[in-house]
Amino acid sequence: MDREQFCNEILKIDDKIVFTAIYDEGEFYHKMREGVNPYLTPEETENSLAEAVYRWSSRKKIGPKLGEPVYAMTKYGKVYRITIPAGKAGLILVSTELNVNVEEIVEKVIETRDKNYQ
């Protein structure tokens, strides 16, 4: 499944998912739900994704002691931002509205990743 199709599958999980991105093999692909106005400019989005990749590499360094990271989540004033690993060095990023069950969204994204992303 290509990156665009994968992002579309993530957006189908829940109407409260407003943004998703995939980073893999040094490339980013991201998609915003239609009708949603982005909070970040395209440049800010790219910078944010690059920072997420860096933070994830830091988390992996302590993996041997704490266990491999499963996901990370940050609650902002307007959205949740969720980061989930994909493949050897890839990441899935998901932004949702605040009125969601984050654990349920994470479980469904992981299921979608496991079924569709190699």
N, C-alpha and C. Protein backbone atom coordinates (compact mmCIF):
# COMPACT_ATOMS: atom_id res chain seq x y z
N MET A 1 0.85 -1.18 0.00
CA MET A 1 0.00 0.00 0.00
C MET A 1 0.90 1.24 0.00
N ASP A 2 0.61 2.17 -0.89
CA ASP A 2 1.45 3.38 -0.93
C ASP A 2 1.08 4.33 0.20
N ARG A 3 1.91 5.34 0.40
CA ARG A 3 1.74 6.27 1.52
C ARG A 3 0.41 7.02 1.47
N GLU A 4 0.00 7.44 0.27
CA GLU A 4 -1.27 8.17 0.15
C GLU A 4 -2.44 7.29 0.57
N GLN A 5 -2.48 6.06 0.07
CA GLN A 5 -3.56 5.14 0.43
C GLN A 5 -3.55 4.87 1.93
N PHE A 6 -2.35 4.71 2.49
CA PHE A 6 -2.24 4.44 3.91
C PHE A 6 -2.81 5.60 4.73
N CYS A 7 -2.44 6.83 4.37
CA CYS A 7 -2.97 8.00 5.08
C CYS A 7 -4.49 8.07 4.95
N ASN A 8 -5.01 7.74 3.78
CA ASN A 8 -6.47 7.72 3.60
C ASN A 8 -7.13 6.69 4.53
N GLU A 9 -6.49 5.53 4.69
CA GLU A 9 -7.02 4.50 5.59
C GLU A 9 -7.03 5.00 7.03
N ILE A 10 -5.99 5.70 7.43
CA ILE A 10 -5.94 6.25 8.79
C ILE A 10 -7.07 7.26 8.99
N LEU A 11 -7.28 8.14 8.02
CA LEU A 11 -8.35 9.14 8.15
C LEU A 11 -9.73 8.50 8.25
N LYS A 12 -9.90 7.31 7.65
CA LYS A 12 -11.19 6.61 7.70
C LYS A 12 -11.50 6.03 9.08
N ILE A 13 -10.50 5.89 9.92
CA ILE A 13 -10.69 5.27 11.23
C ILE A 13 -11.71 6.02 12.07
N ASP A 14 -11.62 7.35 12.06
CA ASP A 14 -12.50 8.15 12.92
C ASP A 14 -12.59 9.56 12.34
N ASP A 15 -13.79 10.12 12.36
CA ASP A 15 -13.99 11.49 11.85
C ASP A 15 -13.25 12.53 12.67
N LYS A 16 -12.84 12.18 13.87
CA LYS A 16 -12.12 13.12 14.74
C LYS A 16 -10.63 13.18 14.42
N ILE A 17 -10.15 12.29 13.55
CA ILE A 17 -8.76 12.37 13.08
C ILE A 17 -8.73 13.46 12.02
N VAL A 18 -7.92 14.49 12.25
CA VAL A 18 -7.90 15.63 11.34
C VAL A 18 -6.66 15.67 10.46
N PHE A 19 -5.62 14.94 10.84
CA PHE A 19 -4.36 14.99 10.11
C PHE A 19 -3.63 13.67 10.33
N THR A 20 -2.95 13.20 9.30
CA THR A 20 -2.07 12.06 9.46
C THR A 20 -0.88 12.22 8.55
N ALA A 21 0.22 11.61 8.96
CA ALA A 21 1.45 11.67 8.17
C ALA A 21 2.20 10.36 8.34
N ILE A 22 2.99 10.04 7.34
CA ILE A 22 3.86 8.88 7.42
C ILE A 22 5.26 9.34 7.04
N TYR A 23 6.23 8.94 7.83
CA TYR A 23 7.64 9.19 7.52
C TYR A 23 8.27 7.83 7.32
N ASP A 24 8.91 7.65 6.18
CA ASP A 24 9.56 6.38 5.91
C ASP A 24 10.62 6.59 4.84
N GLU A 25 11.74 5.93 5.02
CA GLU A 25 12.83 5.99 4.05
C GLU A 25 13.21 7.42 3.71
N GLY A 26 13.21 8.29 4.73
CA GLY A 26 13.63 9.67 4.54
C GLY A 26 12.61 10.58 3.88
N GLU A 27 11.40 10.08 3.65
CA GLU A 27 10.38 10.89 2.98
C GLU A 27 9.14 11.02 3.86
N PHE A 28 8.50 12.21 3.77
CA PHE A 28 7.25 12.47 4.47
C PHE A 28 6.11 12.51 3.47
N TYR A 29 4.98 11.97 3.89
CA TYR A 29 3.74 12.20 3.17
C TYR A 29 2.71 12.55 4.22
N HIS A 30 1.94 13.59 4.01
CA HIS A 30 0.92 13.94 5.00
C HIS A 30 -0.37 14.34 4.31
N LYS A 31 -1.45 14.18 5.06
CA LYS A 31 -2.77 14.47 4.51
C LYS A 31 -3.66 15.05 5.61
N MET A 32 -4.36 16.11 5.25
CA MET A 32 -5.30 16.79 6.15
C MET A 32 -6.71 16.40 5.73
N ARG A 33 -7.58 16.18 6.70
CA ARG A 33 -8.98 15.89 6.39
C ARG A 33 -9.58 17.07 5.63
N GLU A 34 -10.33 16.76 4.58
CA GLU A 34 -10.98 17.81 3.79
C GLU A 34 -11.90 18.64 4.68
N GLY A 35 -11.90 19.95 4.43
CA GLY A 35 -12.76 20.85 5.18
C GLY A 35 -12.18 21.33 6.50
N VAL A 36 -11.00 20.83 6.86
CA VAL A 36 -10.35 21.23 8.10
C VAL A 36 -9.26 22.24 7.77
N ASN A 37 -9.25 23.34 8.48
CA ASN A 37 -8.20 24.34 8.28
C ASN A 37 -6.99 23.99 9.13
N PRO A 38 -5.82 23.91 8.53
CA PRO A 38 -4.62 23.53 9.30
C PRO A 38 -4.22 24.63 10.28
N TYR A 39 -3.71 24.20 11.43
CA TYR A 39 -3.17 25.14 12.41
C TYR A 39 -1.76 25.57 12.03
N LEU A 40 -1.03 24.68 11.34
CA LEU A 40 0.36 24.94 10.99
C LEU A 40 0.52 25.20 9.50
N THR A 41 1.50 26.01 9.15
CA THR A 41 1.84 26.22 7.74
C THR A 41 2.51 24.95 7.22
N PRO A 42 2.64 24.78 5.91
CA PRO A 42 3.36 23.61 5.39
C PRO A 42 4.79 23.51 5.94
N GLU A 43 5.47 24.63 6.05
CA GLU A 43 6.84 24.61 6.59
C GLU A 43 6.84 24.18 8.06
N GLU A 44 5.90 24.70 8.84
CA GLU A 44 5.80 24.31 10.25
C GLU A 44 5.46 22.83 10.38
N THR A 45 4.63 22.33 9.49
CA THR A 45 4.29 20.91 9.50
C THR A 45 5.52 20.06 9.25
N GLU A 46 6.30 20.40 8.22
CA GLU A 46 7.52 19.66 7.91
C GLU A 46 8.49 19.71 9.08
N ASN A 47 8.66 20.87 9.70
CA ASN A 47 9.56 21.00 10.85
C ASN A 47 9.07 20.16 12.02
N SER A 48 7.77 20.18 12.25
CA SER A 48 7.20 19.40 13.34
C SER A 48 7.42 17.90 13.12
N LEU A 49 7.26 17.45 11.88
CA LEU A 49 7.48 16.04 11.57
C LEU A 49 8.94 15.66 11.77
N ALA A 50 9.85 16.53 11.35
CA ALA A 50 11.28 16.27 11.54
C ALA A 50 11.62 16.19 13.03
N GLU A 51 11.04 17.06 13.83
CA GLU A 51 11.27 17.03 15.28
C GLU A 51 10.71 15.75 15.89
N ALA A 52 9.57 15.28 15.40
CA ALA A 52 8.98 14.04 15.91
C ALA A 52 9.90 12.86 15.63
N VAL A 53 10.52 12.85 14.46
CA VAL A 53 11.46 11.78 14.12
C VAL A 53 12.64 11.80 15.09
N TYR A 54 13.15 12.99 15.38
CA TYR A 54 14.27 13.12 16.31
C TYR A 54 13.86 12.64 17.71
N ARG A 55 12.71 13.07 18.19
CA ARG A 55 12.25 12.66 19.52
C ARG A 55 12.06 11.14 19.59
N TRP A 56 11.56 10.56 18.50
CA TRP A 56 11.35 9.12 18.50
C TRP A 56 12.69 8.39 18.59
N SER A 57 13.70 8.89 17.91
CA SER A 57 15.02 8.24 17.99
C SER A 57 15.55 8.31 19.42
N SER A 58 15.26 9.37 20.14
CA SER A 58 15.66 9.48 21.55
C SER A 58 14.93 8.44 22.40
N ARG A 59 13.64 8.24 22.13
CA ARG A 59 12.88 7.24 22.88
C ARG A 59 13.43 5.84 22.65
N LYS A 60 13.82 5.56 21.42
CA LYS A 60 14.33 4.23 21.10
C LYS A 60 15.63 3.93 21.83
N LYS A 61 16.40 4.95 22.16
CA LYS A 61 17.68 4.74 22.85
C LYS A 61 17.49 4.14 24.24
N ILE A 62 16.38 4.46 24.89
CA ILE A 62 16.14 3.88 26.21
C ILE A 62 15.28 2.62 26.14
N GLY A 63 14.92 2.21 24.93
CA GLY A 63 14.13 1.01 24.72
C GLY A 63 14.72 -0.24 25.36
N PRO A 64 16.04 -0.46 25.26
CA PRO A 64 16.60 -1.67 25.87
C PRO A 64 16.35 -1.75 27.38
N LYS A 65 16.20 -0.63 28.03
CA LYS A 65 15.98 -0.64 29.48
C LYS A 65 14.50 -0.62 29.86
N LEU A 66 13.68 0.10 29.09
CA LEU A 66 12.27 0.26 29.44
C LEU A 66 11.33 -0.58 28.58
N GLY A 67 11.84 -1.11 27.49
CA GLY A 67 11.01 -1.80 26.51
C GLY A 67 10.82 -0.87 25.32
N GLU A 68 10.56 -1.46 24.17
CA GLU A 68 10.40 -0.66 22.96
C GLU A 68 9.19 0.26 23.09
N PRO A 69 9.32 1.50 22.63
CA PRO A 69 8.18 2.42 22.69
C PRO A 69 7.06 1.95 21.76
N VAL A 70 5.83 2.03 22.23
CA VAL A 70 4.66 1.61 21.46
C VAL A 70 4.03 2.81 20.76
N TYR A 71 3.88 3.90 21.49
CA TYR A 71 3.40 5.15 20.92
C TYR A 71 3.71 6.28 21.89
N ALA A 72 3.64 7.50 21.38
CA ALA A 72 3.77 8.69 22.22
C ALA A 72 2.60 9.60 21.90
N MET A 73 2.14 10.32 22.91
CA MET A 73 1.00 11.20 22.71
C MET A 73 1.23 12.49 23.48
N THR A 74 0.91 13.60 22.83
CA THR A 74 0.97 14.91 23.48
C THR A 74 -0.39 15.56 23.33
N LYS A 75 -0.87 16.11 24.42
CA LYS A 75 -2.13 16.85 24.38
C LYS A 75 -1.79 18.34 24.34
N TYR A 76 -2.23 18.98 23.27
CA TYR A 76 -2.10 20.43 23.12
C TYR A 76 -3.46 21.05 23.46
N GLY A 77 -3.53 22.35 23.43
CA GLY A 77 -4.78 23.04 23.72
C GLY A 77 -5.87 22.79 22.69
N LYS A 78 -5.47 22.41 21.46
CA LYS A 78 -6.46 22.23 20.38
C LYS A 78 -6.51 20.81 19.82
N VAL A 79 -5.45 20.02 19.98
CA VAL A 79 -5.39 18.68 19.39
C VAL A 79 -4.56 17.74 20.25
N TYR A 80 -4.78 16.43 20.01
CA TYR A 80 -3.84 15.40 20.45
C TYR A 80 -2.93 15.12 19.27
N ARG A 81 -1.64 14.92 19.53
CA ARG A 81 -0.70 14.47 18.50
C ARG A 81 -0.15 13.13 18.94
N ILE A 82 -0.32 12.12 18.11
CA ILE A 82 0.07 10.76 18.43
C ILE A 82 1.15 10.32 17.45
N THR A 83 2.19 9.67 17.97
CA THR A 83 3.29 9.17 17.15
C THR A 83 3.39 7.67 17.39
N ILE A 84 3.41 6.90 16.29
CA ILE A 84 3.44 5.44 16.35
C ILE A 84 4.51 4.94 15.38
N PRO A 85 5.35 3.99 15.80
CA PRO A 85 6.38 3.49 14.88
C PRO A 85 5.79 2.69 13.73
N ALA A 86 6.51 2.71 12.60
CA ALA A 86 6.12 1.92 11.42
C ALA A 86 7.39 1.39 10.78
N GLY A 87 7.48 0.08 10.65
CA GLY A 87 8.67 -0.50 10.05
C GLY A 87 9.89 -0.29 10.93
N LYS A 88 11.07 -0.39 10.31
CA LYS A 88 12.32 -0.28 11.07
C LYS A 88 12.59 1.12 11.59
N ALA A 89 12.33 2.12 10.76
CA ALA A 89 12.66 3.50 11.17
C ALA A 89 11.57 4.50 10.81
N GLY A 90 10.40 4.02 10.43
CA GLY A 90 9.33 4.91 10.03
C GLY A 90 8.45 5.33 11.19
N LEU A 91 7.65 6.36 10.95
CA LEU A 91 6.71 6.86 11.96
C LEU A 91 5.38 7.21 11.32
N ILE A 92 4.33 6.99 12.07
CA ILE A 92 2.99 7.45 11.71
C ILE A 92 2.65 8.55 12.70
N LEU A 93 2.19 9.67 12.19
CA LEU A 93 1.75 10.76 13.05
C LEU A 93 0.28 11.01 12.81
N VAL A 94 -0.46 11.19 13.89
CA VAL A 94 -1.90 11.40 13.80
C VAL A 94 -2.28 12.55 14.72
N SER A 95 -3.08 13.48 14.22
CA SER A 95 -3.64 14.54 15.05
C SER A 95 -5.14 14.36 15.11
N THR A 96 -5.69 14.51 16.31
CA THR A 96 -7.13 14.35 16.49
C THR A 96 -7.70 15.56 17.22
N GLU A 97 -9.01 15.68 17.15
CA GLU A 97 -9.70 16.64 18.00
C GLU A 97 -9.55 16.16 19.44
N LEU A 98 -9.89 17.00 20.39
CA LEU A 98 -9.71 16.65 21.80
C LEU A 98 -10.80 15.73 22.36
N ASN A 99 -11.97 15.73 21.75
CA ASN A 99 -13.08 14.93 22.28
C ASN A 99 -13.10 13.53 21.68
N VAL A 100 -12.01 12.79 21.90
CA VAL A 100 -11.88 11.42 21.39
C VAL A 100 -11.37 10.51 22.49
N ASN A 101 -11.54 9.21 22.27
CA ASN A 101 -10.92 8.20 23.11
C ASN A 101 -9.56 7.89 22.47
N VAL A 102 -8.51 8.47 23.02
CA VAL A 102 -7.18 8.35 22.40
C VAL A 102 -6.73 6.90 22.33
N GLU A 103 -6.93 6.14 23.39
CA GLU A 103 -6.50 4.74 23.39
C GLU A 103 -7.17 3.95 22.26
N GLU A 104 -8.44 4.21 22.03
CA GLU A 104 -9.17 3.52 20.96
C GLU A 104 -8.59 3.90 19.59
N ILE A 105 -8.30 5.17 19.40
CA ILE A 105 -7.70 5.63 18.14
C ILE A 105 -6.35 4.95 17.94
N VAL A 106 -5.52 4.93 18.98
CA VAL A 106 -4.19 4.31 18.89
C VAL A 106 -4.32 2.85 18.50
N GLU A 107 -5.20 2.11 19.16
CA GLU A 107 -5.39 0.70 18.85
C GLU A 107 -5.77 0.50 17.39
N LYS A 108 -6.68 1.31 16.89
CA LYS A 108 -7.12 1.17 15.50
C LYS A 108 -6.02 1.55 14.52
N VAL A 109 -5.23 2.56 14.84
CA VAL A 109 -4.11 2.93 13.96
C VAL A 109 -3.09 1.80 13.92
N ILE A 110 -2.79 1.21 15.08
CA ILE A 110 -1.84 0.10 15.12
C ILE A 110 -2.38 -1.09 14.33
N GLU A 111 -3.67 -1.40 14.46
CA GLU A 111 -4.27 -2.48 13.66
C GLU A 111 -4.14 -2.19 12.17
N THR A 112 -4.42 -0.96 11.77
CA THR A 112 -4.32 -0.57 10.36
C THR A 112 -2.88 -0.68 9.89
N ARG A 113 -1.94 -0.23 10.71
CA ARG A 113 -0.52 -0.36 10.37
C ARG A 113 -0.15 -1.82 10.17
N ASP A 114 -0.55 -2.67 11.10
CA ASP A 114 -0.17 -4.08 11.04
C ASP A 114 -0.78 -4.80 9.84
N LYS A 115 -1.96 -4.38 9.41
CA LYS A 115 -2.61 -5.01 8.25
C LYS A 115 -2.09 -4.49 6.92
N ASN A 116 -1.74 -3.21 6.87
CA ASN A 116 -1.53 -2.56 5.57
C ASN A 116 -0.15 -2.00 5.31
N TYR A 117 0.67 -1.89 6.32
CA TYR A 117 1.94 -1.19 6.10
C TYR A 117 3.10 -2.13 6.31
N GLN A 118 3.93 -2.23 5.31
CA GLN A 118 5.11 -3.11 5.40
C GLN A 118 6.36 -2.28 5.45
